Amino acid sequence: MSTDRTEMSMRRTGMSFQRTRMSADRTLMSVIRTSLSLISFGFTIFQVFQKLRDQNLLTNAAPARNFGMALVALGIGMLVVGIVYHVQFMLGLRDERKAMTEAGLIHGQSHFPPSMILITAIILLLIGIFAIVSMAFQIGPFG
């Protein structure tokens, strides 16, 4: 009976690592959502005022364009911090799980799959960097 309880406890603890991993993914998804909003809104502001200036409807669109670029930069910065935090957290979680497995406190049969959320965040980061470079240097399809 004691062995059954120990086994059940080990399985619950092992499952808690999976729940914690999924929670970290949800946190990164929140960062992605906010960063995407900042990047897209900033890019839209930049483009609207750029087009108004190009059509000679405005003489000076620089402050609004700079605000748009600042929003894009803020979104990129937030995404970088979120990615770094996520990677550090996941490495710490893996180290803790490995230590508990080696101590015989949990089973180490399941593995952590690659995080599709992290891959999505990195792709969004690359798109954001491409957008701000395009905005700053007036190059590419967004310039």
Protein backbone atom coordinates (compact mmCIF):
# COMPACT_ATOMS: atom_id res chain seq x y z
CA MET A 1 0.00 0.00 0.00
CA SER A 2 2.84 2.38 0.81
CA THR A 3 4.45 1.60 -2.54
CA ASP A 4 1.23 2.46 -4.37
CA ARG A 5 1.04 5.84 -2.61
CA THR A 6 4.67 6.57 -3.38
CA GLU A 7 4.13 5.64 -7.03
CA MET A 8 1.05 7.84 -7.25
CA SER A 9 2.91 10.73 -5.64
CA MET A 10 5.79 10.36 -8.09
CA ARG A 11 3.39 10.42 -11.03
CA ARG A 12 1.58 13.50 -9.72
CA THR A 13 4.87 15.32 -9.22
CA GLY A 14 5.97 14.36 -12.72
CA MET A 15 2.70 15.65 -14.14
CA SER A 16 3.13 18.91 -12.22
CA PHE A 17 6.29 19.56 -14.25
CA GLN A 18 4.23 19.26 -17.42
CA ARG A 19 1.62 21.66 -16.01
CA THR A 20 4.36 24.12 -15.07
CA ARG A 21 5.83 23.89 -18.57
CA MET A 22 2.43 24.58 -20.11
CA SER A 23 1.98 27.50 -17.75
CA ALA A 24 5.30 28.97 -18.92
CA ASP A 25 4.10 28.57 -22.51
CA ARG A 26 0.88 30.45 -21.67
CA THR A 27 2.93 33.24 -20.14
CA LEU A 28 5.01 33.50 -23.30
CA MET A 29 1.79 33.53 -25.36
CA SER A 30 0.67 36.57 -23.34
CA VAL A 31 3.95 38.28 -24.12
CA ILE A 32 3.52 37.41 -27.81
CA ARG A 33 -0.01 38.80 -27.85
CA THR A 34 1.03 42.10 -26.28
CA SER A 35 4.16 42.42 -28.42
CA LEU A 36 2.21 41.71 -31.58
CA SER A 37 -0.29 44.41 -30.64
CA LEU A 38 2.46 46.95 -30.01
CA ILE A 39 4.36 46.07 -33.18
CA SER A 40 1.30 46.10 -35.43
CA PHE A 41 -0.17 49.29 -33.94
CA GLY A 42 3.17 51.09 -34.13
CA PHE A 43 3.71 49.95 -37.70
CA THR A 44 0.20 51.11 -38.65
CA ILE A 45 0.72 54.55 -37.13
CA PHE A 46 4.05 54.83 -38.95
CA GLN A 47 2.54 53.84 -42.31
CA VAL A 48 -0.54 56.10 -42.03
CA PHE A 49 1.50 59.20 -41.30
CA GLN A 50 4.10 58.23 -43.92
CA LYS A 51 1.36 57.99 -46.58
CA LEU A 52 -0.19 61.31 -45.47
CA ARG A 53 3.21 62.99 -45.77
CA ASP A 54 3.85 61.39 -49.17
CA GLN A 55 0.53 62.80 -50.45
CA ASN A 56 1.45 66.27 -49.13
CA LEU A 57 -1.50 66.30 -46.72
CA LEU A 58 0.91 66.81 -43.82
CA THR A 59 4.07 68.83 -43.76
CA ASN A 60 5.65 67.26 -40.69
CA ALA A 61 4.78 63.69 -39.78
CA ALA A 62 8.04 62.99 -37.94
CA PRO A 63 6.68 63.01 -34.35
CA ALA A 64 3.90 60.53 -35.17
CA ARG A 65 6.27 58.38 -37.22
CA ASN A 66 8.76 58.40 -34.34
CA PHE A 67 5.97 57.37 -31.95
CA GLY A 68 5.11 54.47 -34.27
CA MET A 69 8.73 53.39 -34.37
CA ALA A 70 8.92 53.64 -30.57
CA LEU A 71 5.91 51.32 -30.23
CA VAL A 72 7.51 48.80 -32.58
CA ALA A 73 10.78 49.02 -30.62
CA LEU A 74 8.87 48.56 -27.35
CA GLY A 75 7.14 45.47 -28.77
CA ILE A 76 10.47 44.03 -29.91
CA GLY A 77 12.09 44.76 -26.54
CA MET A 78 9.22 43.15 -24.66
CA LEU A 79 9.45 40.09 -26.88
CA VAL A 80 13.21 39.77 -26.31
CA VAL A 81 12.73 39.95 -22.53
CA GLY A 82 9.89 37.41 -22.70
CA ILE A 83 11.95 34.97 -24.78
CA VAL A 84 14.98 35.28 -22.49
CA TYR A 85 12.83 34.77 -19.38
CA HIS A 86 11.09 31.77 -20.95
CA VAL A 87 14.34 30.08 -21.96
CA GLN A 88 15.90 30.65 -18.52
CA PHE A 89 12.78 29.35 -16.78
CA MET A 90 12.60 26.24 -18.96
CA LEU A 91 16.30 25.45 -18.46
CA GLY A 92 15.83 25.78 -14.69
CA LEU A 93 12.75 23.56 -14.82
CA ARG A 94 14.63 20.92 -16.79
CA ASP A 95 17.53 21.02 -14.32
CA GLU A 96 15.14 20.63 -11.39
CA ARG A 97 13.35 17.76 -13.10
CA LYS A 98 16.64 16.03 -13.86
CA ALA A 99 17.79 16.38 -10.24
CA MET A 100 14.50 14.97 -8.94
CA THR A 101 14.70 12.07 -11.43
CA GLU A 102 18.25 11.24 -10.37
CA ALA A 103 17.19 11.36 -6.70
CA GLY A 104 14.43 8.85 -7.49
CA LEU A 105 11.64 11.24 -6.52
CA ILE A 106 9.93 11.16 -9.90
CA HIS A 107 9.96 9.07 -13.05
CA GLY A 108 11.87 10.59 -15.94
CA GLN A 109 10.09 8.78 -18.72
CA SER A 110 8.34 11.68 -20.46
CA HIS A 111 10.29 14.45 -22.10
CA PHE A 112 9.65 18.10 -22.78
CA PRO A 113 8.68 18.52 -26.43
CA PRO A 114 10.01 21.48 -28.39
CA SER A 115 8.04 24.60 -27.57
CA MET A 116 6.07 25.71 -30.61
CA ILE A 117 5.26 28.89 -28.70
CA LEU A 118 8.96 29.71 -28.41
CA ILE A 119 9.43 29.09 -32.14
CA THR A 120 6.48 31.41 -32.86
CA ALA A 121 7.96 34.09 -30.59
CA ILE A 122 11.30 33.90 -32.38
CA ILE A 123 9.60 34.20 -35.79
CA LEU A 124 7.62 37.23 -34.57
CA LEU A 125 10.85 38.74 -33.23
CA LEU A 126 12.49 38.37 -36.65
CA ILE A 127 9.47 39.95 -38.35
CA GLY A 128 9.53 42.83 -35.86
CA ILE A 129 13.24 43.42 -36.41
CA PHE A 130 12.70 43.35 -40.18
CA ALA A 131 9.85 45.86 -39.83
CA ILE A 132 11.79 48.34 -37.70
CA VAL A 133 14.86 48.15 -39.94
CA SER A 134 12.59 48.72 -42.92
CA MET A 135 10.94 51.68 -41.19
CA ALA A 136 14.20 53.26 -40.04
CA PHE A 137 16.11 52.95 -43.31
CA GLN A 138 13.20 53.15 -45.78
CA ILE A 139 14.13 49.83 -47.40
CA GLY A 140 12.25 46.70 -48.26
CA PRO A 141 8.54 46.30 -48.83
CA PHE A 142 7.63 48.21 -45.64
CA GLY A 143 9.82 51.26 -46.30
